[in-house]
Amino acid sequence: MGLFDFFKKKVELTEEQQKWNKMWELWVEEKVDSPYLQLMTYQSEVNNGGHDQYFTNVDNTGNLQEELSVLKTILSKKLSDNLQKAYQAYSVLEKEDDKTAEETIAHCDDVFYESEEEINRILQAYANKIKL
């Protein structure tokens, strides 16, 4: 098999990978059940711009307080406390520039990234229930 043939070969995804991809397709269509919909939005937004982006975007497009309440039902205590801490810092930054609040949000982003495998496990368990 030549190099060109190697690249032409179609990669077969496992059923688990197909379900993971299907879950994200359903998320785009807003056809994912709560609280997984909110968890996926949280993960996506934080990965694209940190907690600050998450709070700003959800605040502009939805009910942020409702989102936070839903997330508390699915996140571990560690991640739920981290989210609350980030939100408190965000609330300060909405009113004024504050170096400590900026540092707090940056720290909360780090805690999220260090614990993201936990979120992936929750989402994978949900994805595994999807029928292809």
Protein backbone atom coordinates (compact mmCIF):
# COMPACT_ATOMS: atom_id res chain seq x y z
CA MET A 1 0.00 0.00 0.00
CA GLY A 2 1.44 3.34 -1.05
CA LEU A 3 1.27 6.52 1.00
CA PHE A 4 -1.62 7.86 -1.10
CA ASP A 5 -3.60 4.64 -0.53
CA PHE A 6 -2.96 4.97 3.20
CA PHE A 7 -4.59 8.42 3.27
CA LYS A 8 -7.51 7.29 1.11
CA LYS A 9 -8.33 4.49 3.52
CA LYS A 10 -11.43 5.31 5.52
CA VAL A 11 -10.99 5.28 9.26
CA GLU A 12 -13.61 3.18 10.98
CA LEU A 13 -14.90 4.65 14.21
CA THR A 14 -15.83 2.44 17.10
CA GLU A 15 -19.47 2.41 18.17
CA GLU A 16 -18.46 4.40 21.25
CA GLN A 17 -16.81 7.07 19.06
CA GLN A 18 -19.85 7.18 16.77
CA LYS A 19 -22.14 7.69 19.76
CA TRP A 20 -19.84 10.45 21.10
CA ASN A 21 -20.00 12.23 17.73
CA LYS A 22 -23.78 11.74 17.54
CA MET A 23 -24.16 13.27 21.01
CA TRP A 24 -22.36 16.44 19.87
CA GLU A 25 -24.48 16.56 16.69
CA LEU A 26 -27.59 16.40 18.87
CA TRP A 27 -26.14 19.14 21.10
CA VAL A 28 -25.78 21.45 18.10
CA GLU A 29 -29.44 20.75 17.30
CA GLU A 30 -30.34 21.35 20.98
CA LYS A 31 -31.77 17.83 21.20
CA VAL A 32 -29.78 16.68 24.22
CA ASP A 33 -31.52 16.01 27.52
CA SER A 34 -30.97 18.22 30.55
CA PRO A 35 -28.61 18.30 32.47
CA TYR A 36 -26.32 16.96 29.73
CA LEU A 37 -27.21 19.84 27.41
CA GLN A 38 -26.04 22.34 30.02
CA LEU A 39 -22.94 20.31 30.84
CA MET A 40 -21.95 20.16 27.18
CA THR A 41 -22.47 23.91 26.81
CA TYR A 42 -20.39 24.51 29.92
CA GLN A 43 -17.56 22.31 28.67
CA SER A 44 -17.63 23.78 25.18
CA GLU A 45 -17.65 27.41 26.32
CA VAL A 46 -14.96 26.99 28.98
CA ASN A 47 -12.74 25.15 26.49
CA ASN A 48 -13.19 27.97 23.98
CA GLY A 49 -12.61 30.92 26.29
CA GLY A 50 -12.69 30.04 29.95
CA HIS A 51 -15.36 30.63 32.55
CA ASP A 52 -15.56 34.30 31.61
CA GLN A 53 -16.72 33.37 28.09
CA TYR A 54 -19.14 30.79 29.46
CA PHE A 55 -20.83 33.25 31.82
CA THR A 56 -20.95 36.05 29.24
CA ASN A 57 -22.40 33.89 26.46
CA VAL A 58 -24.97 32.10 28.60
CA ASP A 59 -25.96 35.38 30.27
CA ASN A 60 -26.54 36.90 26.81
CA THR A 61 -28.45 33.96 25.32
CA GLY A 62 -30.17 32.17 28.18
CA ASN A 63 -30.92 32.07 31.86
CA LEU A 64 -27.53 31.87 33.59
CA GLN A 65 -28.94 31.25 37.07
CA GLU A 66 -31.02 28.35 35.77
CA GLU A 67 -27.96 26.90 33.98
CA LEU A 68 -25.89 27.11 37.16
CA SER A 69 -28.63 25.37 39.16
CA VAL A 70 -28.83 22.55 36.63
CA LEU A 71 -25.05 22.11 36.57
CA LYS A 72 -24.98 21.73 40.35
CA THR A 73 -27.14 18.62 39.97
CA ILE A 74 -24.59 16.82 37.79
CA LEU A 75 -21.16 18.14 38.78
CA SER A 76 -19.10 16.73 41.63
CA LYS A 77 -18.77 18.91 44.72
CA LYS A 78 -15.27 19.95 43.62
CA LEU A 79 -16.41 21.12 40.18
CA SER A 80 -19.64 22.62 41.51
CA ASP A 81 -17.71 24.64 44.12
CA ASN A 82 -15.25 25.68 41.43
CA LEU A 83 -18.08 26.88 39.19
CA GLN A 84 -19.59 28.87 42.07
CA LYS A 85 -16.23 30.44 42.88
CA ALA A 86 -15.75 31.41 39.21
CA TYR A 87 -19.24 32.91 39.10
CA GLN A 88 -18.60 35.01 42.19
CA ALA A 89 -15.41 36.36 40.60
CA TYR A 90 -17.26 37.00 37.34
CA SER A 91 -19.92 38.95 39.25
CA VAL A 92 -17.21 41.21 40.69
CA LEU A 93 -15.67 41.75 37.26
CA GLU A 94 -19.03 42.79 35.80
CA LYS A 95 -18.95 45.80 38.11
CA GLU A 96 -15.25 46.69 38.20
CA ASP A 97 -11.75 45.67 37.21
CA ASP A 98 -10.34 43.56 39.99
CA LYS A 99 -7.00 41.77 39.80
CA THR A 100 -7.94 39.23 42.48
CA ALA A 101 -11.18 38.32 40.67
CA GLU A 102 -9.26 37.91 37.38
CA GLU A 103 -6.76 35.61 39.11
CA THR A 104 -9.62 33.64 40.69
CA ILE A 105 -11.25 33.03 37.30
CA ALA A 106 -7.89 31.96 35.82
CA HIS A 107 -7.43 29.54 38.73
CA CYS A 108 -10.97 28.19 38.27
CA ASP A 109 -10.22 27.62 34.58
CA ASP A 110 -7.16 25.59 35.61
CA VAL A 111 -9.20 23.49 38.06
CA PHE A 112 -11.75 22.83 35.31
CA TYR A 113 -9.06 21.70 32.82
CA GLU A 114 -7.39 19.48 35.43
CA SER A 115 -10.77 17.84 36.18
CA GLU A 116 -12.17 17.69 32.68
CA GLU A 117 -11.82 13.91 32.51
CA GLU A 118 -14.61 13.73 35.10
CA ILE A 119 -16.90 15.68 32.76
CA ASN A 120 -15.90 13.46 29.84
CA ARG A 121 -16.82 10.35 31.86
CA ILE A 122 -20.27 11.77 32.62
CA LEU A 123 -20.81 12.66 28.97
CA GLN A 124 -19.49 9.32 27.71
CA ALA A 125 -21.94 7.47 29.95
CA TYR A 126 -24.73 9.58 28.43
CA ALA A 127 -23.43 9.08 24.88
CA ASN A 128 -23.32 5.32 25.38
CA LYS A 129 -27.12 5.34 25.81
CA ILE A 130 -27.67 6.97 22.39
CA LYS A 131 -29.10 4.71 19.70
CA LEU A 132 -27.38 5.01 16.34
